[in-house]
């Protein structure tokens, strides 16, 4: 079994299908996180960016995006602060469409809610994502957007 798993691991990792066993641990994670960002533009306007929520996507759209959810929501939003500036730059680049009004600031925010234990949560609705934490506020420079300028021209 280990030889077969080893052979297919690259495929699992590429497709985002690998699963850590901590999901099945005696004490699984008790929160439901979600990463968002507020993009502030040069003219003072702002836009809310949310990472796609898997529960809001249809099956065939969800499958290729699942590995990104795992990266953004499960890993980066909690315990990899070294990638937060890169995520902010990614959000700025993907939301840069007007060369006269570039993004100048990205604020990363993690929202989460408590996951009720099975015996308590069966007859209760899902809790809203009411807990929030600002992960960082990152200035965006012209150099950060240099590769995107061809799309805006």
N, C-alpha and C. Protein backbone atom coordinates (compact mmCIF):
# COMPACT_ATOMS: atom_id res chain seq x y z
N UNK A 1 0.84 -1.19 0.00
CA UNK A 1 0.00 0.00 0.00
C UNK A 1 0.88 1.25 0.00
N UNK A 2 1.95 1.26 0.78
CA UNK A 2 2.84 2.42 0.81
C UNK A 2 3.46 2.70 -0.55
N UNK A 3 3.84 1.64 -1.27
CA UNK A 3 4.42 1.84 -2.60
C UNK A 3 3.42 2.45 -3.57
N UNK A 4 2.19 2.01 -3.51
CA UNK A 4 1.15 2.57 -4.37
C UNK A 4 0.88 4.03 -3.99
N UNK A 5 0.75 4.29 -2.69
CA UNK A 5 0.51 5.67 -2.24
C UNK A 5 1.67 6.58 -2.65
N UNK A 6 2.89 6.09 -2.54
CA UNK A 6 4.06 6.88 -2.91
C UNK A 6 4.02 7.22 -4.41
N UNK A 7 3.60 6.28 -5.22
CA UNK A 7 3.52 6.48 -6.67
C UNK A 7 2.52 7.58 -7.02
N UNK A 8 1.38 7.62 -6.32
CA UNK A 8 0.31 8.57 -6.64
C UNK A 8 0.38 9.87 -5.86
N UNK A 9 1.32 10.00 -4.91
CA UNK A 9 1.33 11.19 -4.07
C UNK A 9 1.51 12.48 -4.87
N UNK A 10 2.35 12.47 -5.88
CA UNK A 10 2.54 13.67 -6.70
C UNK A 10 1.23 14.12 -7.34
N UNK A 11 0.44 13.16 -7.80
CA UNK A 11 -0.87 13.47 -8.38
C UNK A 11 -1.79 14.07 -7.32
N UNK A 12 -1.84 13.43 -6.13
CA UNK A 12 -2.69 13.94 -5.06
C UNK A 12 -2.30 15.37 -4.69
N UNK A 13 -0.99 15.61 -4.56
CA UNK A 13 -0.52 16.93 -4.17
C UNK A 13 -0.84 17.95 -5.26
N UNK A 14 -0.64 17.59 -6.52
CA UNK A 14 -0.91 18.50 -7.63
C UNK A 14 -2.39 18.86 -7.69
N UNK A 15 -3.26 17.92 -7.50
CA UNK A 15 -4.69 18.15 -7.57
C UNK A 15 -5.27 18.71 -6.27
N UNK A 16 -4.45 18.79 -5.22
CA UNK A 16 -4.94 19.30 -3.95
C UNK A 16 -5.82 18.31 -3.22
N UNK A 17 -5.62 17.03 -3.47
CA UNK A 17 -6.47 16.01 -2.87
C UNK A 17 -5.86 15.35 -1.63
N UNK A 18 -4.61 15.71 -1.30
CA UNK A 18 -4.02 15.08 -0.12
C UNK A 18 -4.76 15.56 1.12
N UNK A 19 -4.78 14.72 2.13
CA UNK A 19 -5.51 15.06 3.35
C UNK A 19 -4.66 14.69 4.55
N UNK A 20 -4.41 15.66 5.40
CA UNK A 20 -3.69 15.37 6.64
C UNK A 20 -4.64 14.64 7.58
N UNK A 21 -4.08 13.82 8.42
CA UNK A 21 -4.90 13.01 9.31
C UNK A 21 -5.44 13.81 10.48
N UNK A 22 -5.04 15.07 10.63
CA UNK A 22 -5.55 15.84 11.75
C UNK A 22 -7.06 16.08 11.67
N UNK A 23 -7.65 15.89 10.49
CA UNK A 23 -9.11 15.99 10.36
C UNK A 23 -9.79 14.89 11.18
N UNK A 24 -9.11 13.76 11.32
CA UNK A 24 -9.69 12.63 12.01
C UNK A 24 -9.15 12.47 13.43
N UNK A 25 -8.46 13.48 13.93
CA UNK A 25 -7.85 13.37 15.25
C UNK A 25 -8.93 13.42 16.33
N UNK A 26 -8.57 13.06 17.54
CA UNK A 26 -9.55 13.12 18.64
C UNK A 26 -10.06 14.54 18.89
N UNK A 27 -9.28 15.56 18.52
CA UNK A 27 -9.70 16.94 18.72
C UNK A 27 -9.52 17.72 17.41
N UNK A 28 -10.42 17.54 16.43
CA UNK A 28 -10.28 18.27 15.16
C UNK A 28 -10.46 19.77 15.37
N UNK A 29 -10.05 20.52 14.37
CA UNK A 29 -10.14 21.98 14.43
C UNK A 29 -11.57 22.40 14.77
N UNK A 30 -11.70 23.40 15.62
CA UNK A 30 -13.01 23.83 16.10
C UNK A 30 -13.47 25.14 15.48
N UNK A 31 -12.79 25.60 14.44
CA UNK A 31 -13.18 26.85 13.79
C UNK A 31 -13.29 26.67 12.29
N UNK A 32 -14.07 27.53 11.68
CA UNK A 32 -14.30 27.52 10.25
C UNK A 32 -13.77 28.84 9.68
N UNK A 33 -12.53 28.86 9.14
CA UNK A 33 -11.94 30.13 8.71
C UNK A 33 -12.28 30.51 7.27
N UNK A 34 -12.11 31.80 6.98
CA UNK A 34 -12.31 32.31 5.63
C UNK A 34 -11.47 33.57 5.47
N UNK A 35 -10.70 33.66 4.40
CA UNK A 35 -9.81 34.78 4.16
C UNK A 35 -10.47 35.80 3.23
N UNK A 36 -10.43 37.07 3.63
CA UNK A 36 -10.94 38.15 2.80
C UNK A 36 -9.90 39.26 2.75
N UNK A 37 -10.12 40.23 1.87
CA UNK A 37 -9.23 41.38 1.79
C UNK A 37 -10.05 42.60 1.39
N UNK A 38 -9.61 43.74 1.89
CA UNK A 38 -10.18 45.02 1.46
C UNK A 38 -9.11 45.71 0.64
N UNK A 39 -9.43 46.02 -0.60
CA UNK A 39 -8.50 46.68 -1.51
C UNK A 39 -8.87 48.16 -1.54
N UNK A 40 -7.90 49.02 -1.25
CA UNK A 40 -8.11 50.46 -1.31
C UNK A 40 -7.41 50.99 -2.54
N UNK A 41 -8.14 51.77 -3.35
CA UNK A 41 -7.61 52.30 -4.59
C UNK A 41 -7.14 53.75 -4.41
N UNK A 42 -6.41 54.23 -5.39
CA UNK A 42 -5.81 55.55 -5.33
C UNK A 42 -6.84 56.67 -5.12
N UNK A 43 -8.03 56.52 -5.69
CA UNK A 43 -9.05 57.56 -5.54
C UNK A 43 -9.81 57.47 -4.22
N UNK A 44 -9.43 56.54 -3.35
CA UNK A 44 -10.07 56.40 -2.04
C UNK A 44 -11.18 55.36 -2.00
N UNK A 45 -11.58 54.84 -3.15
CA UNK A 45 -12.62 53.81 -3.16
C UNK A 45 -12.03 52.50 -2.66
N UNK A 46 -12.90 51.58 -2.32
CA UNK A 46 -12.42 50.28 -1.84
C UNK A 46 -13.30 49.18 -2.40
N UNK A 47 -12.77 47.98 -2.35
CA UNK A 47 -13.46 46.80 -2.88
C UNK A 47 -13.18 45.64 -1.94
N UNK A 48 -14.18 44.81 -1.74
CA UNK A 48 -14.01 43.62 -0.90
C UNK A 48 -13.69 42.43 -1.79
N UNK A 49 -12.60 41.73 -1.49
CA UNK A 49 -12.23 40.51 -2.20
C UNK A 49 -12.41 39.35 -1.24
N UNK A 50 -13.08 38.32 -1.69
CA UNK A 50 -13.22 37.12 -0.86
C UNK A 50 -12.70 35.94 -1.65
N UNK A 51 -11.97 35.11 -0.96
CA UNK A 51 -11.54 33.87 -1.59
C UNK A 51 -12.78 33.04 -1.84
N UNK A 52 -12.88 32.35 -2.99
CA UNK A 52 -14.09 31.57 -3.28
C UNK A 52 -14.42 30.59 -2.15
N UNK A 53 -15.67 30.61 -1.73
CA UNK A 53 -16.14 29.73 -0.66
C UNK A 53 -16.63 28.44 -1.30
N UNK A 54 -16.05 27.33 -0.92
CA UNK A 54 -16.35 26.05 -1.56
C UNK A 54 -17.83 25.67 -1.42
N UNK A 55 -18.44 26.01 -0.31
CA UNK A 55 -19.84 25.64 -0.12
C UNK A 55 -20.77 26.44 -1.03
N UNK A 56 -20.25 27.47 -1.70
CA UNK A 56 -21.06 28.29 -2.60
C UNK A 56 -20.81 27.97 -4.07
N UNK A 57 -19.96 27.00 -4.34
CA UNK A 57 -19.62 26.65 -5.72
C UNK A 57 -20.25 25.32 -6.11
N UNK A 58 -20.50 25.14 -7.41
CA UNK A 58 -20.99 23.85 -7.86
C UNK A 58 -19.83 22.85 -7.88
N UNK A 59 -20.13 21.60 -7.99
CA UNK A 59 -19.16 20.52 -7.85
C UNK A 59 -17.97 20.66 -8.80
N UNK A 60 -18.21 20.90 -10.08
CA UNK A 60 -17.12 20.93 -11.05
C UNK A 60 -16.27 22.20 -10.94
N UNK A 61 -16.82 23.27 -10.42
CA UNK A 61 -16.03 24.48 -10.17
C UNK A 61 -15.21 24.30 -8.90
N UNK A 62 -15.77 23.60 -7.94
CA UNK A 62 -15.14 23.42 -6.64
C UNK A 62 -13.88 22.55 -6.69
N UNK A 63 -13.88 21.49 -7.43
CA UNK A 63 -12.78 20.52 -7.40
C UNK A 63 -11.42 21.15 -7.71
N UNK A 64 -11.23 21.89 -8.80
CA UNK A 64 -9.89 22.45 -9.03
C UNK A 64 -9.52 23.57 -8.06
N UNK A 65 -10.49 24.19 -7.41
CA UNK A 65 -10.20 25.28 -6.48
C UNK A 65 -9.95 24.80 -5.06
N UNK A 66 -10.24 23.56 -4.77
CA UNK A 66 -10.13 23.05 -3.40
C UNK A 66 -8.72 23.19 -2.84
N UNK A 67 -7.70 22.95 -3.64
CA UNK A 67 -6.34 23.06 -3.11
C UNK A 67 -6.00 24.49 -2.74
N UNK A 68 -6.57 25.46 -3.43
CA UNK A 68 -6.33 26.85 -3.08
C UNK A 68 -7.06 27.22 -1.80
N UNK A 69 -8.25 26.67 -1.60
CA UNK A 69 -8.96 26.88 -0.34
C UNK A 69 -8.12 26.36 0.81
N UNK A 70 -7.55 25.18 0.63
CA UNK A 70 -6.72 24.60 1.69
C UNK A 70 -5.53 25.51 1.99
N UNK A 71 -4.92 26.06 0.94
CA UNK A 71 -3.78 26.96 1.15
C UNK A 71 -4.22 28.25 1.81
N UNK A 72 -5.22 28.94 1.23
CA UNK A 72 -5.63 30.25 1.75
C UNK A 72 -6.28 30.15 3.12
N UNK A 73 -7.31 29.32 3.25
CA UNK A 73 -8.11 29.31 4.47
C UNK A 73 -7.53 28.43 5.58
N UNK A 74 -7.07 27.25 5.23
CA UNK A 74 -6.59 26.34 6.27
C UNK A 74 -5.17 26.63 6.72
N UNK A 75 -4.32 27.04 5.81
CA UNK A 75 -2.91 27.19 6.16
C UNK A 75 -2.49 28.65 6.30
N UNK A 76 -2.54 29.41 5.23
CA UNK A 76 -2.00 30.77 5.24
C UNK A 76 -2.73 31.69 6.22
N UNK A 77 -4.02 31.56 6.33
CA UNK A 77 -4.78 32.46 7.20
C UNK A 77 -4.49 32.24 8.68
N UNK A 78 -3.90 31.10 9.01
CA UNK A 78 -3.65 30.79 10.43
C UNK A 78 -2.18 30.83 10.81
N UNK A 79 -1.34 30.18 10.05
CA UNK A 79 -0.01 29.95 10.61
C UNK A 79 1.16 30.16 9.65
N UNK A 80 0.97 30.89 8.56
CA UNK A 80 2.08 31.15 7.65
C UNK A 80 2.13 32.65 7.36
N UNK A 81 2.46 33.48 8.36
CA UNK A 81 2.45 34.93 8.12
C UNK A 81 3.48 35.39 7.10
N UNK A 82 4.47 34.58 6.82
CA UNK A 82 5.49 34.98 5.86
C UNK A 82 4.91 35.13 4.45
N UNK A 83 3.79 34.48 4.14
CA UNK A 83 3.18 34.59 2.81
C UNK A 83 2.10 35.67 2.72
N UNK A 84 1.75 36.30 3.83
CA UNK A 84 0.69 37.31 3.80
C UNK A 84 1.01 38.46 2.86
N UNK A 85 2.24 39.01 2.82
CA UNK A 85 2.51 40.07 1.84
C UNK A 85 2.32 39.60 0.39
N UNK A 86 2.74 38.35 0.11
CA UNK A 86 2.56 37.83 -1.25
C UNK A 86 1.09 37.66 -1.60
N UNK A 87 0.29 37.24 -0.64
CA UNK A 87 -1.15 37.12 -0.88
C UNK A 87 -1.74 38.50 -1.15
N UNK A 88 -1.31 39.49 -0.38
CA UNK A 88 -1.80 40.87 -0.60
C UNK A 88 -1.44 41.36 -1.99
N UNK A 89 -0.22 41.05 -2.44
CA UNK A 89 0.19 41.46 -3.80
C UNK A 89 -0.64 40.72 -4.86
N UNK A 90 -0.91 39.44 -4.63
CA UNK A 90 -1.75 38.67 -5.56
C UNK A 90 -3.14 39.29 -5.66
N UNK A 91 -3.72 39.62 -4.51
CA UNK A 91 -5.06 40.23 -4.50
C UNK A 91 -5.03 41.57 -5.24
N UNK A 92 -3.99 42.37 -5.02
CA UNK A 92 -3.89 43.66 -5.71
C UNK A 92 -3.77 43.47 -7.21
N UNK A 93 -2.94 42.53 -7.64
CA UNK A 93 -2.75 42.31 -9.09
C UNK A 93 -4.02 41.80 -9.75
N UNK A 94 -4.75 40.90 -9.09
CA UNK A 94 -5.97 40.36 -9.70
C UNK A 94 -7.12 41.36 -9.71
N UNK A 95 -6.99 42.44 -8.94
CA UNK A 95 -8.04 43.45 -8.89
C UNK A 95 -7.58 44.79 -9.45
N UNK A 96 -6.58 44.75 -10.31
CA UNK A 96 -6.04 45.95 -10.94
C UNK A 96 -6.53 45.99 -12.38
N UNK A 97 -7.51 46.85 -12.65
CA UNK A 97 -8.08 46.90 -13.99
C UNK A 97 -8.11 48.30 -14.59
N UNK A 98 -7.79 49.31 -13.78
CA UNK A 98 -7.81 50.69 -14.27
C UNK A 98 -6.45 51.32 -13.99
N UNK A 99 -5.68 51.60 -15.04
CA UNK A 99 -4.32 52.12 -14.84
C UNK A 99 -4.33 53.50 -14.18
N UNK A 100 -5.45 54.23 -14.27
CA UNK A 100 -5.55 55.54 -13.64
C UNK A 100 -5.98 55.46 -12.17
N UNK A 101 -6.35 54.28 -11.73
CA UNK A 101 -6.81 54.10 -10.35
C UNK A 101 -6.28 52.77 -9.79
N UNK A 102 -4.97 52.68 -9.55
CA UNK A 102 -4.39 51.42 -9.09
C UNK A 102 -4.67 51.17 -7.61
N UNK A 103 -4.62 49.90 -7.18
CA UNK A 103 -4.71 49.62 -5.76
C UNK A 103 -3.47 50.16 -5.05
N UNK A 104 -3.66 50.74 -3.88
CA UNK A 104 -2.53 51.27 -3.12
C UNK A 104 -2.37 50.60 -1.75
N UNK A 105 -3.40 49.84 -1.32
CA UNK A 105 -3.36 49.22 -0.01
C UNK A 105 -4.24 47.98 -0.01
N UNK A 106 -3.76 46.92 0.60
CA UNK A 106 -4.57 45.71 0.76
C UNK A 106 -4.53 45.31 2.23
N UNK A 107 -5.71 45.14 2.81
CA UNK A 107 -5.84 44.70 4.19
C UNK A 107 -6.35 43.26 4.18
N UNK A 108 -5.58 42.34 4.73
CA UNK A 108 -6.00 40.94 4.82
C UNK A 108 -6.72 40.71 6.14
N UNK A 109 -7.88 40.06 6.05
CA UNK A 109 -8.70 39.82 7.23
C UNK A 109 -9.12 38.35 7.24
N UNK A 110 -8.98 37.73 8.41
CA UNK A 110 -9.44 36.35 8.58
C UNK A 110 -10.74 36.38 9.38
N UNK A 111 -11.79 35.83 8.81
CA UNK A 111 -13.05 35.64 9.53
C UNK A 111 -13.14 34.18 9.92
N UNK A 112 -13.76 33.92 11.05
CA UNK A 112 -13.95 32.53 11.48
C UNK A 112 -15.17 32.44 12.37
N UNK A 113 -15.63 31.24 12.52
CA UNK A 113 -16.73 30.96 13.44
C UNK A 113 -16.46 29.63 14.11
N UNK A 114 -17.09 29.43 15.22
CA UNK A 114 -16.93 28.19 15.97
C UNK A 114 -17.75 27.09 15.31
N UNK A 115 -17.17 25.92 15.19
CA UNK A 115 -17.90 24.75 14.70
C UNK A 115 -18.44 24.03 15.94
N UNK A 116 -19.75 23.93 15.99
CA UNK A 116 -20.36 23.28 17.15
C UNK A 116 -20.08 21.78 17.15
N UNK A 117 -19.88 21.19 18.33
CA UNK A 117 -19.75 19.73 18.38
C UNK A 117 -21.00 19.07 17.83
N UNK A 118 -20.84 17.88 17.28
CA UNK A 118 -21.94 17.20 16.61
C UNK A 118 -23.19 17.09 17.50
N UNK A 119 -23.01 16.75 18.75
CA UNK A 119 -24.19 16.57 19.62
C UNK A 119 -24.89 17.90 19.93
N UNK A 120 -24.17 19.03 19.84
CA UNK A 120 -24.79 20.32 20.10
C UNK A 120 -25.31 20.98 18.82
N UNK A 121 -24.71 20.65 17.68
CA UNK A 121 -25.00 21.38 16.45
C UNK A 121 -26.05 20.77 15.55
N UNK A 122 -26.59 19.64 15.88
CA UNK A 122 -27.52 18.96 14.97
C UNK A 122 -28.78 19.78 14.70
N UNK A 123 -29.32 20.45 15.70
CA UNK A 123 -30.57 21.16 15.50
C UNK A 123 -30.38 22.68 15.42
N UNK A 124 -29.13 23.14 15.36
CA UNK A 124 -28.85 24.57 15.31
C UNK A 124 -28.31 24.95 13.93
N UNK A 125 -28.63 26.15 13.48
CA UNK A 125 -28.07 26.59 12.19
C UNK A 125 -26.57 26.86 12.32
N UNK A 126 -25.88 26.94 11.19
CA UNK A 126 -24.46 27.28 11.22
C UNK A 126 -24.28 28.67 11.82
N UNK A 127 -23.25 28.80 12.62
CA UNK A 127 -22.96 30.10 13.22
C UNK A 127 -22.36 31.03 12.18
N UNK A 128 -22.70 32.30 12.22
CA UNK A 128 -22.10 33.25 11.26
C UNK A 128 -20.61 33.44 11.57
N UNK A 129 -19.87 33.85 10.55
CA UNK A 129 -18.44 34.08 10.75
C UNK A 129 -18.26 35.44 11.41
N UNK A 130 -18.37 35.44 12.73
CA UNK A 130 -18.40 36.68 13.48
C UNK A 130 -17.05 37.06 14.09
N UNK A 131 -16.15 36.12 14.20
CA UNK A 131 -14.85 36.44 14.77
C UNK A 131 -13.95 36.92 13.63
N UNK A 132 -13.24 38.03 13.84
CA UNK A 132 -12.38 38.54 12.79
C UNK A 132 -11.04 38.98 13.36
N UNK A 133 -10.03 38.93 12.50
CA UNK A 133 -8.70 39.39 12.89
C UNK A 133 -8.04 39.97 11.65
N UNK A 134 -7.52 41.18 11.77
CA UNK A 134 -6.76 41.78 10.68
C UNK A 134 -5.38 41.15 10.70
N UNK A 135 -5.02 40.50 9.61
CA UNK A 135 -3.73 39.83 9.52
C UNK A 135 -2.62 40.80 9.16
N UNK A 136 -2.95 41.84 8.44
CA UNK A 136 -1.96 42.83 8.06
C UNK A 136 -2.51 43.80 7.04
N UNK A 137 -1.89 44.98 7.00
CA UNK A 137 -2.23 46.00 6.02
C UNK A 137 -0.96 46.23 5.20
N UNK A 138 -1.05 46.03 3.89
CA UNK A 138 0.13 46.03 3.03
C UNK A 138 0.03 47.10 1.96
N UNK A 139 0.99 48.03 1.91
CA UNK A 139 1.01 49.02 0.84
C UNK A 139 1.40 48.36 -0.48
N UNK A 140 0.80 48.85 -1.56
CA UNK A 140 1.06 48.32 -2.90
C UNK A 140 1.76 49.41 -3.70
N UNK A 141 2.87 49.06 -4.30
CA UNK A 141 3.65 50.02 -5.08
C UNK A 141 3.46 49.77 -6.57
N UNK A 142 3.96 50.70 -7.37
CA UNK A 142 3.89 50.55 -8.83
C UNK A 142 4.69 49.33 -9.28
N UNK A 143 5.79 49.04 -8.59
CA UNK A 143 6.61 47.86 -8.93
C UNK A 143 5.82 46.56 -8.71
N UNK A 144 4.97 46.55 -7.69
CA UNK A 144 4.16 45.36 -7.42
C UNK A 144 3.17 45.08 -8.56
N UNK A 145 2.79 46.13 -9.27
CA UNK A 145 1.79 46.01 -10.34
C UNK A 145 2.39 46.06 -11.73
N UNK A 146 3.71 46.09 -11.82
CA UNK A 146 4.38 46.30 -13.10
C UNK A 146 4.01 45.26 -14.15
N UNK A 147 3.89 44.01 -13.77
CA UNK A 147 3.59 42.96 -14.75
C UNK A 147 2.13 43.00 -15.21
N UNK A 148 1.28 43.65 -14.46
CA UNK A 148 -0.14 43.69 -14.80
C UNK A 148 -0.47 44.85 -15.72
N UNK A 149 0.41 45.83 -15.80
CA UNK A 149 0.12 47.04 -16.56
C UNK A 149 -0.24 46.77 -18.01
N UNK A 150 0.30 45.73 -18.62
CA UNK A 150 -0.01 45.44 -20.01
C UNK A 150 -1.51 45.13 -20.16
N UNK A 151 -2.14 44.52 -19.17
CA UNK A 151 -3.55 44.20 -19.24
C UNK A 151 -4.41 45.45 -19.14
N UNK A 152 -3.92 46.43 -18.41
CA UNK A 152 -4.70 47.65 -18.17
C UNK A 152 -4.54 48.66 -19.30
N UNK A 153 -3.51 48.56 -20.09
CA UNK A 153 -3.24 49.58 -21.11
C UNK A 153 -4.24 49.55 -22.24
